[in-house]
Amino acid sequence: MIHPWRWIIWGILVSLPILGACSPVTESGDDETPTATPEMTGESTPQPEENSSSDLPSQDTEETEETDETNDTNDTEESIPGDGKTYRHPEGIFEISFPKHYAHQPQANGVSFLSANGEFGGEVTYFETQETLTIDDLEELYRQRTQTAIREMAWQRSELQPDGSVRLDWRGKNASGQDLDAIGYIEQHGDRVYVLNLYGINESYDIYVEDSRLIVGSYQVDRNP
């Protein structure tokens, strides 16, 4: 049985602006750079609803449900003591970690994630291309894809990172009219392009700089696809 609060989180995750889905191509922080060779997340309970004793399932039922949930997630999630969980793509394409109280939703070409209060989130997406893209090509591709999904774009800066990815800072509004204060990273390895986006939702990105450091610092992609 899925608790009611989880349905709320999943509903918000589905509405997140997955920028990768806006491209016709087949899909693929803060000042910290994604690690060079390395690659969602865990969710802690945001505050489950109170139940009367008459509504509580029996102990045997609870143990069965917990066992089923554990078996379903062992292939893609790993607990991080004190920090949250790591999400690993089933095919090893990427992995990423999240702080406690974050929810995540696997997508056809990546994963989206959201804090329990709904004020910070993002996604990892990837797609295939037969072209070898230059740094300028990657930046232009990111801009085009983002502008397709976001309104009132305001680009702030772009910067080449030590690992070869390109970081772009921007602000804009998603389809739901929410203000996003965002940082994105785009990189190519072989025929695969990876995009990581993180954004404050109706809040400043800087408020969640510690969360973003953990997320960006844990992000690893398959560099030899």
C-alpha atoms as a PDB file:
ATOM      1  CA  MET A   1       0.000   0.000   0.000  1.00  0.00           C
ATOM      2  CA  ILE A   2       1.377   3.439  -0.940  1.00  0.00           C
ATOM      3  CA  HIS A   3       0.910   6.140   1.679  1.00  0.00           C
ATOM      4  CA  PRO A   4      -1.129   9.206   0.582  1.00  0.00           C
ATOM      5  CA  TRP A   5       1.850  11.574   0.899  1.00  0.00           C
ATOM      6  CA  ARG A   6       3.716   9.580  -1.727  1.00  0.00           C
ATOM      7  CA  TRP A   7       0.971  10.150  -4.279  1.00  0.00           C
ATOM      8  CA  ILE A   8       1.343  13.894  -3.670  1.00  0.00           C
ATOM      9  CA  ILE A   9       5.125  13.769  -4.233  1.00  0.00           C
ATOM     10  CA  TRP A  10       4.747  11.642  -7.371  1.00  0.00           C
ATOM     11  CA  GLY A  11       2.179  14.079  -8.721  1.00  0.00           C
ATOM     12  CA  ILE A  12       4.611  16.969  -8.317  1.00  0.00           C
ATOM     13  CA  LEU A  13       7.474  14.970  -9.860  1.00  0.00           C
ATOM     14  CA  VAL A  14       5.441  14.162 -12.953  1.00  0.00           C
ATOM     15  CA  SER A  15       4.797  17.890 -13.442  1.00  0.00           C
ATOM     16  CA  LEU A  16       8.489  18.817 -13.297  1.00  0.00           C
ATOM     17  CA  PRO A  17       9.861  20.372 -16.518  1.00  0.00           C
ATOM     18  CA  ILE A  18      11.855  17.516 -18.019  1.00  0.00           C
ATOM     19  CA  LEU A  19      13.849  19.502 -20.565  1.00  0.00           C
ATOM     20  CA  GLY A  20      15.117  16.412 -22.347  1.00  0.00           C
ATOM     21  CA  ALA A  21      11.641  15.390 -23.420  1.00  0.00           C
ATOM     22  CA  CYS A  22      11.307  18.520 -25.557  1.00  0.00           C
ATOM     23  CA  SER A  23      14.024  17.538 -28.021  1.00  0.00           C
ATOM     24  CA  PRO A  24      13.323  15.701 -31.275  1.00  0.00           C
ATOM     25  CA  VAL A  25      16.551  13.745 -30.752  1.00  0.00           C
ATOM     26  CA  THR A  26      16.506  10.376 -29.016  1.00  0.00           C
ATOM     27  CA  GLU A  27      17.023  11.048 -25.338  1.00  0.00           C
ATOM     28  CA  SER A  28      19.755  11.049 -22.945  1.00  0.00           C
ATOM     29  CA  GLY A  29      24.927  23.642  -8.884  1.00  0.00           C
ATOM     30  CA  ASP A  30      26.347  25.624  -7.463  1.00  0.00           C
ATOM     31  CA  ASP A  31      30.034  26.187  -8.050  1.00  0.00           C
ATOM     32  CA  GLU A  32      30.901  22.531  -7.673  1.00  0.00           C
ATOM     33  CA  THR A  33      31.756  20.589 -10.847  1.00  0.00           C
ATOM     34  CA  PRO A  34      30.470  17.070 -11.561  1.00  0.00           C
ATOM     35  CA  THR A  35      33.215  14.538 -10.934  1.00  0.00           C
ATOM     36  CA  ALA A  36      35.321  13.524 -13.886  1.00  0.00           C
ATOM     37  CA  THR A  37      34.654   9.805 -14.125  1.00  0.00           C
ATOM     38  CA  PRO A  38      32.055   9.149 -11.589  1.00  0.00           C
ATOM     39  CA  GLU A  39      27.701   9.170 -11.801  1.00  0.00           C
ATOM     40  CA  MET A  40      18.509   9.156  -7.308  1.00  0.00           C
ATOM     41  CA  THR A  41      17.545   9.232  -4.962  1.00  0.00           C
ATOM     42  CA  GLY A  42      16.560   8.425  -1.763  1.00  0.00           C
ATOM     43  CA  GLU A  43      13.482   9.604  -0.141  1.00  0.00           C
ATOM     44  CA  SER A  44      12.921   9.945   3.542  1.00  0.00           C
ATOM     45  CA  THR A  45       9.411  10.232   4.748  1.00  0.00           C
ATOM     46  CA  PRO A  46       8.295  13.876   4.667  1.00  0.00           C
ATOM     47  CA  GLN A  47       5.753  13.416   7.494  1.00  0.00           C
ATOM     48  CA  PRO A  48       3.419  10.476   7.083  1.00  0.00           C
ATOM     49  CA  GLU A  49      -0.216  10.972   7.991  1.00  0.00           C
ATOM     50  CA  GLU A  50      -1.389  10.018  11.427  1.00  0.00           C
ATOM     51  CA  ASN A  51      -3.478   6.864  11.524  1.00  0.00           C
ATOM     52  CA  SER A  52      -5.909   5.749  14.181  1.00  0.00           C
ATOM     53  CA  SER A  53      -5.127   2.402  15.777  1.00  0.00           C
ATOM     54  CA  SER A  54      -8.117   0.834  14.002  1.00  0.00           C
ATOM     55  CA  ASP A  55      -6.646   1.767  10.589  1.00  0.00           C
ATOM     56  CA  LEU A  56      -3.174   0.411  11.256  1.00  0.00           C
ATOM     57  CA  PRO A  57      -2.283  -2.785   9.376  1.00  0.00           C
ATOM     58  CA  SER A  58      -1.156  -5.815  11.311  1.00  0.00           C
ATOM     59  CA  GLN A  59       2.553  -6.284  12.030  1.00  0.00           C
ATOM     60  CA  ASP A  60       2.712  -9.209   9.580  1.00  0.00           C
ATOM     61  CA  THR A  61       1.281  -7.023   6.798  1.00  0.00           C
ATOM     62  CA  GLU A  62       3.763  -4.225   7.489  1.00  0.00           C
ATOM     63  CA  GLU A  63       6.698  -6.627   7.346  1.00  0.00           C
ATOM     64  CA  THR A  64       5.482  -8.078   4.047  1.00  0.00           C
ATOM     65  CA  GLU A  65       5.119  -4.605   2.482  1.00  0.00           C
ATOM     66  CA  GLU A  66       8.553  -3.531   3.660  1.00  0.00           C
ATOM     67  CA  THR A  67      10.105  -6.696   2.206  1.00  0.00           C
ATOM     68  CA  ASP A  68       8.399  -6.119  -1.160  1.00  0.00           C
ATOM     69  CA  GLU A  69       9.564  -2.500  -1.341  1.00  0.00           C
ATOM     70  CA  THR A  70      13.128  -3.500  -0.487  1.00  0.00           C
ATOM     71  CA  ASN A  71      13.177  -6.171  -3.191  1.00  0.00           C
ATOM     72  CA  ASP A  72      11.886  -3.684  -5.779  1.00  0.00           C
ATOM     73  CA  THR A  73      14.539  -1.037  -5.136  1.00  0.00           C
ATOM     74  CA  ASN A  74      17.700  -3.007  -4.357  1.00  0.00           C
ATOM     75  CA  ASP A  75      18.821  -2.938  -7.997  1.00  0.00           C
ATOM     76  CA  THR A  76      18.850   0.859  -8.317  1.00  0.00           C
ATOM     77  CA  GLU A  77      19.133   2.386  -4.824  1.00  0.00           C
ATOM     78  CA  GLU A  78      21.726   2.303  -2.080  1.00  0.00           C
ATOM     79  CA  SER A  79      21.494   3.991   1.292  1.00  0.00           C
ATOM     80  CA  ILE A  80      24.044   6.642   2.226  1.00  0.00           C
ATOM     81  CA  PRO A  81      24.379   6.812   6.013  1.00  0.00           C
ATOM     82  CA  GLY A  82      23.140  10.209   7.195  1.00  0.00           C
ATOM     83  CA  ASP A  83      22.844  11.694   3.702  1.00  0.00           C
ATOM     84  CA  GLY A  84      20.115   9.903   1.796  1.00  0.00           C
ATOM     85  CA  LYS A  85      20.301   7.417  -1.058  1.00  0.00           C
ATOM     86  CA  THR A  86      21.995   6.826  -4.381  1.00  0.00           C
ATOM     87  CA  TYR A  87      20.004   6.128  -7.538  1.00  0.00           C
ATOM     88  CA  ARG A  88      21.752   3.994 -10.150  1.00  0.00           C
ATOM     89  CA  HIS A  89      20.360   3.650 -13.647  1.00  0.00           C
ATOM     90  CA  PRO A  90      19.492  -0.044 -14.227  1.00  0.00           C
ATOM     91  CA  GLU A  91      21.866  -0.184 -17.221  1.00  0.00           C
ATOM     92  CA  GLY A  92      24.682   1.692 -15.466  1.00  0.00           C
ATOM     93  CA  ILE A  93      24.285   4.797 -17.651  1.00  0.00           C
ATOM     94  CA  PHE A  94      24.531   7.179 -14.678  1.00  0.00           C
ATOM     95  CA  GLU A  95      24.163   7.401 -10.918  1.00  0.00           C
ATOM     96  CA  ILE A  96      23.341  10.266  -8.582  1.00  0.00           C
ATOM     97  CA  SER A  97      22.721  10.778  -4.849  1.00  0.00           C
ATOM     98  CA  PHE A  98      20.277  12.937  -2.922  1.00  0.00           C
ATOM     99  CA  PRO A  99      19.846  14.324   0.596  1.00  0.00           C
ATOM    100  CA  LYS A 100      17.289  12.917   2.990  1.00  0.00           C
ATOM    101  CA  HIS A 101      13.612  13.677   2.356  1.00  0.00           C
ATOM    102  CA  TYR A 102      14.010  13.790  -1.435  1.00  0.00           C
ATOM    103  CA  ALA A 103      11.708  11.831  -3.732  1.00  0.00           C
ATOM    104  CA  HIS A 104      12.642  10.663  -7.225  1.00  0.00           C
ATOM    105  CA  GLN A 105      10.861   9.327 -10.277  1.00  0.00           C
ATOM    106  CA  PRO A 106      12.655   7.305 -12.981  1.00  0.00           C
ATOM    107  CA  GLN A 107      11.896   8.524 -16.505  1.00  0.00           C
ATOM    108  CA  ALA A 108      12.272   6.834 -19.901  1.00  0.00           C
ATOM    109  CA  ASN A 109      15.528   8.704 -20.437  1.00  0.00           C
ATOM    110  CA  GLY A 110      16.692   9.634 -16.941  1.00  0.00           C
ATOM    111  CA  VAL A 111      15.293  10.525 -13.530  1.00  0.00           C
ATOM    112  CA  SER A 112      13.623  13.531 -11.883  1.00  0.00           C
ATOM    113  CA  PHE A 113      13.913  14.474  -8.216  1.00  0.00           C
ATOM    114  CA  LEU A 114      12.272  16.845  -5.743  1.00  0.00           C
ATOM    115  CA  SER A 115      12.775  17.955  -2.152  1.00  0.00           C
ATOM    116  CA  ALA A 116       9.996  17.176   0.325  1.00  0.00           C
ATOM    117  CA  ASN A 117       8.928  20.839   0.515  1.00  0.00           C
ATOM    118  CA  GLY A 118       8.793  21.107  -3.301  1.00  0.00           C
ATOM    119  CA  GLU A 119      11.204  24.052  -3.418  1.00  0.00           C
ATOM    120  CA  PHE A 120      14.251  22.382  -5.020  1.00  0.00           C
ATOM    121  CA  GLY A 121      14.454  19.763  -7.720  1.00  0.00           C
ATOM    122  CA  GLY A 122      15.806  18.810 -11.097  1.00  0.00           C
ATOM    123  CA  GLU A 123      16.506  15.960 -13.434  1.00  0.00           C
ATOM    124  CA  VAL A 124      19.106  13.927 -15.259  1.00  0.00           C
ATOM    125  CA  THR A 125      18.404  13.230 -18.928  1.00  0.00           C
ATOM    126  CA  TYR A 126      20.438  11.611 -21.684  1.00  0.00           C
ATOM    127  CA  PHE A 127      20.071  11.064 -25.422  1.00  0.00           C
ATOM    128  CA  GLU A 128      21.996   9.657 -28.363  1.00  0.00           C
ATOM    129  CA  THR A 129      23.552  11.545 -31.269  1.00  0.00           C
ATOM    130  CA  GLN A 130      25.805  10.474 -34.111  1.00  0.00           C
ATOM    131  CA  GLU A 131      27.581  13.839 -34.172  1.00  0.00           C
ATOM    132  CA  THR A 132      30.672  14.762 -32.200  1.00  0.00           C
ATOM    133  CA  LEU A 133      29.763  18.083 -30.625  1.00  0.00           C
ATOM    134  CA  THR A 134      32.184  20.871 -29.779  1.00  0.00           C
ATOM    135  CA  ILE A 135      31.908  22.873 -26.563  1.00  0.00           C
ATOM    136  CA  ASP A 136      30.094  25.611 -28.477  1.00  0.00           C
ATOM    137  CA  ASP A 137      27.740  23.013 -29.991  1.00  0.00           C
ATOM    138  CA  LEU A 138      26.905  21.610 -26.551  1.00  0.00           C
ATOM    139  CA  GLU A 139      26.152  25.067 -25.166  1.00  0.00           C
ATOM    140  CA  GLU A 140      23.949  25.949 -28.129  1.00  0.00           C
ATOM    141  CA  LEU A 141      22.122  22.622 -27.904  1.00  0.00           C
ATOM    142  CA  TYR A 142      21.436  23.167 -24.215  1.00  0.00           C
ATOM    143  CA  ARG A 143      20.121  26.676 -24.866  1.00  0.00           C
ATOM    144  CA  GLN A 144      17.810  25.499 -27.650  1.00  0.00           C
ATOM    145  CA  ARG A 145      16.367  22.634 -25.620  1.00  0.00           C
ATOM    146  CA  THR A 146      15.864  24.757 -22.532  1.00  0.00           C
ATOM    147  CA  GLN A 147      14.198  27.612 -24.396  1.00  0.00           C
ATOM    148  CA  THR A 148      11.724  25.121 -25.853  1.00  0.00           C
ATOM    149  CA  ALA A 149      10.467  24.232 -22.371  1.00  0.00           C
ATOM    150  CA  ILE A 150      10.989  27.479 -20.422  1.00  0.00           C
ATOM    151  CA  ARG A 151       9.434  30.933 -20.799  1.00  0.00           C
ATOM    152  CA  GLU A 152      10.927  34.341 -19.961  1.00  0.00           C
ATOM    153  CA  MET A 153      14.474  32.972 -20.178  1.00  0.00           C
ATOM    154  CA  ALA A 154      17.274  35.026 -18.674  1.00  0.00           C
ATOM    155  CA  TRP A 155      20.718  33.535 -19.308  1.00  0.00           C
ATOM    156  CA  GLN A 156      23.250  34.528 -16.676  1.00  0.00           C
ATOM    157  CA  ARG A 157      26.543  32.854 -17.532  1.00  0.00           C
ATOM    158  CA  SER A 158      28.174  29.808 -19.078  1.00  0.00           C
ATOM    159  CA  GLU A 159      31.455  28.218 -18.077  1.00  0.00           C
ATOM    160  CA  LEU A 160      33.571  25.261 -19.199  1.00  0.00           C
ATOM    161  CA  GLN A 161      34.182  22.887 -16.300  1.00  0.00           C
ATOM    162  CA  PRO A 162      37.440  20.988 -15.577  1.00  0.00           C
ATOM    163  CA  ASP A 163      35.786  17.675 -16.517  1.00  0.00           C
ATOM    164  CA  GLY A 164      34.825  18.956 -19.981  1.00  0.00           C
ATOM    165  CA  SER A 165      31.153  19.622 -19.251  1.00  0.00           C
ATOM    166  CA  VAL A 166      29.575  23.032 -19.807  1.00  0.00           C
ATOM    167  CA  ARG A 167      27.740  24.776 -16.969  1.00  0.00           C
ATOM    168  CA  LEU A 168      24.954  27.268 -17.740  1.00  0.00           C
ATOM    169  CA  ASP A 169      23.142  29.439 -15.180  1.00  0.00           C
ATOM    170  CA  TRP A 170      19.675  30.748 -16.011  1.00  0.00           C
ATOM    171  CA  ARG A 171      16.281  31.833 -14.729  1.00  0.00           C
ATOM    172  CA  GLY A 172      12.827  31.429 -16.220  1.00  0.00           C
ATOM    173  CA  LYS A 173       9.286  30.121 -15.806  1.00  0.00           C
ATOM    174  CA  ASN A 174       8.119  26.575 -16.439  1.00  0.00           C
ATOM    175  CA  ALA A 175       4.816  25.584 -18.065  1.00  0.00           C
ATOM    176  CA  SER A 176       3.080  25.833 -14.665  1.00  0.00           C
ATOM    177  CA  GLY A 177       4.232  29.431 -14.200  1.00  0.00           C
ATOM    178  CA  GLN A 178       6.720  28.573 -11.439  1.00  0.00           C
ATOM    179  CA  ASP A 179       9.892  30.673 -11.223  1.00  0.00           C
ATOM    180  CA  LEU A 180      13.045  28.579 -11.656  1.00  0.00           C
ATOM    181  CA  ASP A 181      16.506  29.690 -10.539  1.00  0.00           C
ATOM    182  CA  ALA A 182      18.659  27.081 -12.233  1.00  0.00           C
ATOM    183  CA  ILE A 183      22.047  25.647 -13.074  1.00  0.00           C
ATOM    184  CA  GLY A 184      22.516  23.065 -15.813  1.00  0.00           C
ATOM    185  CA  TYR A 185      25.409  20.880 -16.987  1.00  0.00           C
ATOM    186  CA  ILE A 186      25.763  19.282 -20.406  1.00  0.00           C
ATOM    187  CA  GLU A 187      28.478  16.897 -21.617  1.00  0.00           C
ATOM    188  CA  GLN A 188      29.082  14.295 -24.313  1.00  0.00           C
ATOM    189  CA  HIS A 189      30.790  10.901 -24.088  1.00  0.00           C
ATOM    190  CA  GLY A 190      30.820   8.789 -27.224  1.00  0.00           C
ATOM    191  CA  ASP A 191      27.400   8.971 -28.895  1.00  0.00           C
ATOM    192  CA  ARG A 192      25.629   9.932 -25.674  1.00  0.00           C
ATOM    193  CA  VAL A 193      24.876  13.430 -24.343  1.00  0.00           C
ATOM    194  CA  TYR A 194      24.075  13.897 -20.653  1.00  0.00           C
ATOM    195  CA  VAL A 195      22.215  16.827 -19.063  1.00  0.00           C
ATOM    196  CA  LEU A 196      21.897  17.560 -15.332  1.00  0.00           C
ATOM    197  CA  ASN A 197      19.553  20.361 -14.254  1.00  0.00           C
ATOM    198  CA  LEU A 198      19.012  21.654 -10.725  1.00  0.00           C
ATOM    199  CA  TYR A 199      16.717  24.525  -9.769  1.00  0.00           C
ATOM    200  CA  GLY A 200      15.093  26.395  -6.951  1.00  0.00           C
ATOM    201  CA  ILE A 201      11.318  26.424  -7.489  1.00  0.00           C
ATOM    202  CA  ASN A 202       9.895  29.812  -6.525  1.00  0.00           C
ATOM    203  CA  GLU A 203      12.994  30.093  -4.335  1.00  0.00           C
ATOM    204  CA  SER A 204      16.619  31.145  -4.760  1.00  0.00           C
ATOM    205  CA  TYR A 205      19.014  28.377  -5.809  1.00  0.00           C
ATOM    206  CA  ASP A 206      21.462  29.614  -3.168  1.00  0.00           C
ATOM    207  CA  ILE A 207      19.130  28.554  -0.349  1.00  0.00           C
ATOM    208  CA  TYR A 208      19.773  24.943  -1.358  1.00  0.00           C
ATOM    209  CA  VAL A 209      23.473  25.196  -2.115  1.00  0.00           C
ATOM    210  CA  GLU A 210      24.334  22.432   0.381  1.00  0.00           C
ATOM    211  CA  ASP A 211      21.838  20.067  -1.230  1.00  0.00           C
ATOM    212  CA  SER A 212      23.177  20.900  -4.669  1.00  0.00           C
ATOM    213  CA  ARG A 213      26.746  20.180  -3.573  1.00  0.00           C
ATOM    214  CA  LEU A 214      25.811  16.679  -2.494  1.00  0.00           C
ATOM    215  CA  ILE A 215      23.829  16.046  -5.691  1.00  0.00           C
ATOM    216  CA  VAL A 216      26.380  17.475  -8.134  1.00  0.00           C
ATOM    217  CA  GLY A 217      29.325  15.971  -6.280  1.00  0.00           C
ATOM    218  CA  SER A 218      27.786  12.486  -6.483  1.00  0.00           C
ATOM    219  CA  TYR A 219      26.782  12.665 -10.151  1.00  0.00           C
ATOM    220  CA  GLN A 220      28.595  10.118 -12.322  1.00  0.00           C
ATOM    221  CA  VAL A 221      28.016   9.108 -15.936  1.00  0.00           C
ATOM    222  CA  ASP A 222      29.224   6.289 -18.146  1.00  0.00           C
ATOM    223  CA  ARG A 223      32.122   7.892 -19.980  1.00  0.00           C
ATOM    224  CA  ASN A 224      32.638   4.889 -22.261  1.00  0.00           C
ATOM    225  CA  PRO A 225      29.175   4.048 -23.614  1.00  0.00           C
END
